[in-house]
C-alpha atoms as a PDB file:
ATOM      1  CA  MET A   1      25.108   9.310  -6.937  1.00  0.00           C
ATOM      2  CA  PHE A   2      22.024   8.114  -8.443  1.00  0.00           C
ATOM      3  CA  ILE A   3      20.880   8.613 -12.041  1.00  0.00           C
ATOM      4  CA  PRO A   4      17.438   7.543 -13.110  1.00  0.00           C
ATOM      5  CA  VAL A   5      17.062   5.500 -16.269  1.00  0.00           C
ATOM      6  CA  GLY A   6      17.446   7.972 -19.180  1.00  0.00           C
ATOM      7  CA  GLY A   7      18.605  10.808 -17.286  1.00  0.00           C
ATOM      8  CA  PRO A   8      21.064  12.748 -19.255  1.00  0.00           C
ATOM      9  CA  HIS A   9      24.328  13.431 -17.177  1.00  0.00           C
ATOM     10  CA  GLN A  10      27.871  14.389 -17.460  1.00  0.00           C
ATOM     11  CA  VAL A  11      31.058  13.837 -15.530  1.00  0.00           C
ATOM     12  CA  ARG A  12      33.952  15.979 -15.303  1.00  0.00           C
ATOM     13  CA  ASN A  13      36.984  14.866 -13.481  1.00  0.00           C
ATOM     14  CA  ARG A  14      39.072  17.388 -12.071  1.00  0.00           C
ATOM     15  CA  GLN A  15      41.840  15.000 -11.529  1.00  0.00           C
ATOM     16  CA  SER A  16      42.897  11.511 -12.551  1.00  0.00           C
ATOM     17  CA  CYS A  17      40.697   9.085 -11.341  1.00  0.00           C
ATOM     18  CA  THR A  18      39.236   5.471 -11.693  1.00  0.00           C
ATOM     19  CA  LYS A  19      35.814   5.252 -12.590  1.00  0.00           C
ATOM     20  CA  VAL A  20      33.467   2.672 -10.499  1.00  0.00           C
ATOM     21  CA  ALA A  21      29.950   2.136 -11.657  1.00  0.00           C
ATOM     22  CA  LEU A  22      27.101   0.005 -10.838  1.00  0.00           C
ATOM     23  CA  ASP A  23      24.100  -0.762 -13.152  1.00  0.00           C
ATOM     24  CA  PHE A  24      20.930  -1.030 -11.206  1.00  0.00           C
ATOM     25  CA  VAL A  25      17.502  -1.795 -12.743  1.00  0.00           C
ATOM     26  CA  SER A  26      14.546  -1.253 -10.514  1.00  0.00           C
ATOM     27  CA  PRO A  27      11.499  -3.954 -11.208  1.00  0.00           C
ATOM     28  CA  ASN A  28       9.326  -0.935 -11.819  1.00  0.00           C
ATOM     29  CA  ASN A  29      11.671   0.334 -14.701  1.00  0.00           C
ATOM     30  CA  ILE A  30      12.699  -3.146 -16.636  1.00  0.00           C
ATOM     31  CA  GLN A  31      10.250  -2.546 -19.608  1.00  0.00           C
ATOM     32  CA  GLU A  32      11.791   1.067 -20.243  1.00  0.00           C
ATOM     33  CA  SER A  33      15.490  -0.214 -19.666  1.00  0.00           C
ATOM     34  CA  VAL A  34      14.570  -3.121 -22.305  1.00  0.00           C
ATOM     35  CA  GLN A  35      13.346  -0.177 -24.691  1.00  0.00           C
ATOM     36  CA  LEU A  36      16.330   1.774 -24.035  1.00  0.00           C
ATOM     37  CA  THR A  37      18.784  -0.955 -24.740  1.00  0.00           C
ATOM     38  CA  GLN A  38      16.887  -1.995 -28.169  1.00  0.00           C
ATOM     39  CA  GLU A  39      17.375   1.652 -28.982  1.00  0.00           C
ATOM     40  CA  PHE A  40      21.149   1.817 -27.931  1.00  0.00           C
ATOM     41  CA  ARG A  41      21.654  -1.379 -30.273  1.00  0.00           C
ATOM     42  CA  LEU A  42      20.308   0.622 -33.452  1.00  0.00           C
ATOM     43  CA  LEU A  43      22.974   3.343 -33.229  1.00  0.00           C
ATOM     44  CA  PRO A  44      25.945   3.181 -35.780  1.00  0.00           C
ATOM     45  CA  PRO A  45      28.661   0.826 -34.841  1.00  0.00           C
ATOM     46  CA  LEU A  46      31.122   3.729 -33.830  1.00  0.00           C
ATOM     47  CA  HIS A  47      28.508   6.001 -31.966  1.00  0.00           C
ATOM     48  CA  ARG A  48      29.913   6.976 -28.479  1.00  0.00           C
ATOM     49  CA  SER A  49      26.760   5.738 -26.861  1.00  0.00           C
ATOM     50  CA  LYS A  50      26.593   2.332 -28.335  1.00  0.00           C
ATOM     51  CA  GLN A  51      29.163   0.919 -25.696  1.00  0.00           C
ATOM     52  CA  TYR A  52      26.629   1.804 -22.850  1.00  0.00           C
ATOM     53  CA  ILE A  53      24.364  -1.017 -23.470  1.00  0.00           C
ATOM     54  CA  LEU A  54      22.834  -2.669 -20.383  1.00  0.00           C
ATOM     55  CA  GLU A  55      22.382  -6.415 -20.220  1.00  0.00           C
ATOM     56  CA  VAL A  56      18.789  -6.014 -18.863  1.00  0.00           C
ATOM     57  CA  LYS A  57      17.890  -9.691 -19.516  1.00  0.00           C
ATOM     58  CA  LYS A  58      20.845 -10.922 -17.714  1.00  0.00           C
ATOM     59  CA  LEU A  59      20.373  -8.723 -14.663  1.00  0.00           C
ATOM     60  CA  VAL A  60      16.563  -9.897 -14.519  1.00  0.00           C
ATOM     61  CA  VAL A  61      17.679 -13.572 -14.757  1.00  0.00           C
ATOM     62  CA  TYR A  62      20.363 -13.190 -12.100  1.00  0.00           C
ATOM     63  CA  ALA A  63      17.947 -11.213  -9.748  1.00  0.00           C
ATOM     64  CA  ALA A  64      15.219 -14.259 -10.545  1.00  0.00           C
ATOM     65  CA  SER A  65      18.014 -17.024  -9.507  1.00  0.00           C
ATOM     66  CA  ALA A  66      19.182 -15.019  -6.560  1.00  0.00           C
ATOM     67  CA  THR A  67      15.288 -14.674  -5.093  1.00  0.00           C
ATOM     68  CA  THR A  68      14.770 -18.345  -5.899  1.00  0.00           C
ATOM     69  CA  ASN A  69      18.033 -19.363  -3.892  1.00  0.00           C
ATOM     70  CA  GLU A  70      16.941 -16.964  -1.001  1.00  0.00           C
ATOM     71  CA  VAL A  71      13.484 -18.583  -0.602  1.00  0.00           C
ATOM     72  CA  LYS A  72      15.143 -22.204  -0.816  1.00  0.00           C
ATOM     73  CA  ASP A  73      17.405 -21.453   2.043  1.00  0.00           C
ATOM     74  CA  LEU A  74      14.565 -19.619   4.123  1.00  0.00           C
ATOM     75  CA  MET A  75      12.274 -22.651   3.431  1.00  0.00           C
ATOM     76  CA  SER A  76      14.787 -25.094   4.543  1.00  0.00           C
ATOM     77  CA  LYS A  77      15.248 -23.202   7.824  1.00  0.00           C
ATOM     78  CA  ILE A  78      11.904 -23.566   8.425  1.00  0.00           C
ATOM     79  CA  GLU A  79      11.597 -27.166   7.875  1.00  0.00           C
END
């Protein structure tokens, strides 16, 4: 299931289960994701949504690093 950034949603488990989730930030939505992260950080410490802070900057650094490594690998194959 794909839920767009900022999209309200609710999950109801009908049986016991284990949650598996992956945060994905599209390059087109980085600015909005950073803004939402900043808004989450302003919530009171005990607010339920406080735990859902995306680490957008880490995701961007990882993506840039992975892209750089991929380009290096491709360039070494060309040489």
